[in-house]
N, C-alpha and C. Protein backbone atom coordinates (compact mmCIF):
# COMPACT_ATOMS: atom_id res chain seq x y z
N UNK A 1 42.12 -4.06 3.15
CA UNK A 1 41.29 -3.07 2.52
C UNK A 1 40.10 -3.73 1.83
N UNK A 2 40.30 -4.82 1.16
CA UNK A 2 39.21 -5.53 0.50
C UNK A 2 38.28 -6.14 1.53
N UNK A 3 38.81 -6.63 2.63
CA UNK A 3 37.97 -7.26 3.65
C UNK A 3 37.03 -6.24 4.30
N UNK A 4 37.41 -4.97 4.37
CA UNK A 4 36.53 -3.95 4.93
C UNK A 4 35.27 -3.82 4.09
N UNK A 5 35.41 -3.81 2.77
CA UNK A 5 34.25 -3.70 1.88
C UNK A 5 33.34 -4.92 2.00
N UNK A 6 33.93 -6.09 2.15
CA UNK A 6 33.14 -7.31 2.29
C UNK A 6 32.35 -7.28 3.58
N UNK A 7 32.97 -6.86 4.67
CA UNK A 7 32.28 -6.80 5.96
C UNK A 7 31.13 -5.80 5.92
N UNK A 8 31.32 -4.67 5.26
CA UNK A 8 30.27 -3.66 5.19
C UNK A 8 29.11 -4.15 4.33
N UNK A 9 29.39 -4.90 3.28
CA UNK A 9 28.31 -5.35 2.40
C UNK A 9 27.51 -6.48 3.03
N UNK A 10 27.99 -7.10 4.09
CA UNK A 10 27.26 -8.18 4.75
C UNK A 10 26.45 -7.68 5.93
N UNK A 11 26.13 -6.40 5.95
CA UNK A 11 25.33 -5.83 7.03
C UNK A 11 23.92 -6.37 7.02
N UNK A 12 23.19 -6.07 8.06
CA UNK A 12 21.82 -6.54 8.20
C UNK A 12 20.93 -5.75 7.25
N UNK A 13 20.13 -6.46 6.47
CA UNK A 13 19.18 -5.81 5.58
C UNK A 13 17.77 -6.02 6.12
N UNK A 14 16.98 -5.00 6.05
CA UNK A 14 15.61 -5.07 6.51
C UNK A 14 14.76 -5.79 5.48
N UNK A 15 13.84 -6.64 5.92
CA UNK A 15 12.97 -7.31 4.95
C UNK A 15 12.02 -6.31 4.30
N UNK A 16 11.72 -6.53 3.05
CA UNK A 16 10.80 -5.64 2.34
C UNK A 16 9.37 -5.95 2.78
N UNK A 17 8.60 -4.91 2.99
CA UNK A 17 7.20 -5.11 3.30
C UNK A 17 6.42 -5.20 2.00
N UNK A 18 5.51 -6.12 1.95
CA UNK A 18 4.71 -6.33 0.75
C UNK A 18 3.30 -5.84 1.03
N UNK A 19 2.83 -4.96 0.19
CA UNK A 19 1.46 -4.47 0.34
C UNK A 19 0.47 -5.56 -0.05
N UNK A 20 -0.70 -5.56 0.58
CA UNK A 20 -1.73 -6.51 0.17
C UNK A 20 -2.18 -6.21 -1.26
N UNK A 21 -2.83 -7.16 -1.90
CA UNK A 21 -3.28 -6.92 -3.28
C UNK A 21 -4.28 -5.77 -3.35
N UNK A 22 -4.31 -5.13 -4.48
CA UNK A 22 -5.25 -4.03 -4.70
C UNK A 22 -6.67 -4.56 -4.80
N UNK A 23 -7.62 -3.68 -4.49
CA UNK A 23 -9.04 -3.99 -4.60
C UNK A 23 -9.58 -3.14 -5.74
N UNK A 24 -10.25 -3.77 -6.69
CA UNK A 24 -10.82 -3.06 -7.83
C UNK A 24 -12.34 -3.13 -7.76
N UNK A 25 -12.99 -2.02 -8.09
CA UNK A 25 -14.44 -1.98 -8.15
C UNK A 25 -14.86 -1.30 -9.45
N UNK A 26 -15.75 -1.96 -10.17
CA UNK A 26 -16.23 -1.39 -11.42
C UNK A 26 -17.63 -0.79 -11.27
N UNK A 27 -18.15 -0.75 -10.06
CA UNK A 27 -19.48 -0.18 -9.85
C UNK A 27 -19.40 1.34 -9.81
N UNK A 28 -20.53 1.98 -10.01
CA UNK A 28 -20.59 3.44 -9.97
C UNK A 28 -20.59 3.89 -8.51
N UNK A 29 -19.54 4.58 -8.11
CA UNK A 29 -19.40 5.05 -6.74
C UNK A 29 -19.21 6.56 -6.71
N UNK A 30 -19.75 7.19 -5.69
CA UNK A 30 -19.46 8.60 -5.46
C UNK A 30 -18.15 8.63 -4.69
N UNK A 31 -17.09 9.12 -5.33
CA UNK A 31 -15.73 9.00 -4.83
C UNK A 31 -15.57 9.55 -3.41
N UNK A 32 -16.09 10.74 -3.14
CA UNK A 32 -15.91 11.35 -1.81
C UNK A 32 -16.57 10.52 -0.70
N UNK A 33 -17.76 10.02 -0.95
CA UNK A 33 -18.44 9.18 0.05
C UNK A 33 -17.69 7.86 0.25
N UNK A 34 -17.21 7.27 -0.84
CA UNK A 34 -16.48 6.02 -0.77
C UNK A 34 -15.21 6.17 0.06
N UNK A 35 -14.41 7.19 -0.21
CA UNK A 35 -13.16 7.38 0.54
C UNK A 35 -13.44 7.71 2.01
N UNK A 36 -14.51 8.46 2.28
CA UNK A 36 -14.85 8.78 3.68
C UNK A 36 -15.19 7.51 4.46
N UNK A 37 -15.92 6.58 3.84
CA UNK A 37 -16.25 5.33 4.52
C UNK A 37 -15.03 4.44 4.69
N UNK A 38 -14.16 4.40 3.71
CA UNK A 38 -12.96 3.56 3.79
C UNK A 38 -12.04 4.06 4.90
N UNK A 39 -11.96 5.35 5.12
CA UNK A 39 -11.10 5.90 6.18
C UNK A 39 -11.47 5.31 7.54
N UNK A 40 -12.72 5.01 7.75
CA UNK A 40 -13.16 4.42 9.02
C UNK A 40 -12.70 2.98 9.21
N UNK A 41 -12.39 2.28 8.13
CA UNK A 41 -11.98 0.88 8.21
C UNK A 41 -10.47 0.68 8.22
N UNK A 42 -9.72 1.66 7.78
CA UNK A 42 -8.28 1.47 7.61
C UNK A 42 -7.50 1.97 8.82
N UNK A 43 -6.29 1.48 8.93
CA UNK A 43 -5.36 1.89 9.98
C UNK A 43 -4.91 3.33 9.71
N UNK A 44 -4.23 3.95 10.67
CA UNK A 44 -3.76 5.32 10.46
C UNK A 44 -2.84 5.47 9.25
N UNK A 45 -2.21 4.37 8.82
CA UNK A 45 -1.36 4.42 7.63
C UNK A 45 -2.15 4.76 6.39
N UNK A 46 -3.42 4.40 6.39
CA UNK A 46 -4.32 4.80 5.33
C UNK A 46 -4.28 3.95 4.09
N UNK A 47 -4.58 4.61 2.98
CA UNK A 47 -4.75 3.93 1.71
C UNK A 47 -4.56 4.92 0.57
N UNK A 48 -4.48 4.37 -0.63
CA UNK A 48 -4.46 5.18 -1.85
C UNK A 48 -5.66 4.73 -2.67
N UNK A 49 -6.39 5.68 -3.18
CA UNK A 49 -7.56 5.37 -3.98
C UNK A 49 -7.43 6.13 -5.30
N UNK A 50 -7.52 5.40 -6.41
CA UNK A 50 -7.40 6.01 -7.73
C UNK A 50 -8.62 5.66 -8.56
N UNK A 51 -9.01 6.56 -9.43
CA UNK A 51 -10.15 6.31 -10.30
C UNK A 51 -9.70 6.31 -11.75
N UNK A 52 -10.48 5.62 -12.55
CA UNK A 52 -10.27 5.61 -14.00
C UNK A 52 -11.64 5.48 -14.65
N UNK A 53 -11.66 5.41 -15.95
CA UNK A 53 -12.94 5.24 -16.64
C UNK A 53 -13.53 3.86 -16.39
N UNK A 54 -12.71 2.90 -15.94
CA UNK A 54 -13.19 1.54 -15.69
C UNK A 54 -13.68 1.35 -14.27
N UNK A 55 -13.28 2.20 -13.32
CA UNK A 55 -13.71 2.03 -11.94
C UNK A 55 -12.74 2.63 -10.95
N UNK A 56 -12.68 2.02 -9.76
CA UNK A 56 -11.87 2.52 -8.66
C UNK A 56 -10.86 1.45 -8.24
N UNK A 57 -9.64 1.88 -7.94
CA UNK A 57 -8.59 0.99 -7.41
C UNK A 57 -8.26 1.46 -6.01
N UNK A 58 -8.35 0.55 -5.05
CA UNK A 58 -8.04 0.84 -3.65
C UNK A 58 -6.82 0.03 -3.25
N UNK A 59 -5.80 0.71 -2.69
CA UNK A 59 -4.57 0.04 -2.24
C UNK A 59 -4.32 0.43 -0.80
N UNK A 60 -4.34 -0.56 0.10
CA UNK A 60 -3.99 -0.31 1.50
C UNK A 60 -2.50 -0.58 1.69
N UNK A 61 -1.96 -0.11 2.80
CA UNK A 61 -0.53 -0.23 3.04
C UNK A 61 -0.15 -1.38 3.95
N UNK A 62 -1.11 -2.01 4.61
CA UNK A 62 -0.80 -3.20 5.39
C UNK A 62 -2.03 -4.10 5.41
N UNK A 63 -1.83 -5.34 5.77
CA UNK A 63 -2.92 -6.32 5.71
C UNK A 63 -3.96 -6.12 6.81
N UNK A 64 -3.66 -5.32 7.82
CA UNK A 64 -4.61 -5.05 8.89
C UNK A 64 -5.69 -4.05 8.49
N UNK A 65 -5.44 -3.33 7.42
CA UNK A 65 -6.41 -2.31 6.98
C UNK A 65 -7.58 -2.95 6.27
């Protein structure tokens, strides 16, 4: 009974994917134009773009973007 639990816990684990580092910009950007241009450069997986009072943070989901 104990050996069953040990065998199940030794299953194959998938490696974690690590996102590339975020890109920060402190320049004044028009958000809609910026995101429209970035869509042309990124893979179908896309990106996340966040704004703050300090600037824009861009995070892609893979290093090919």
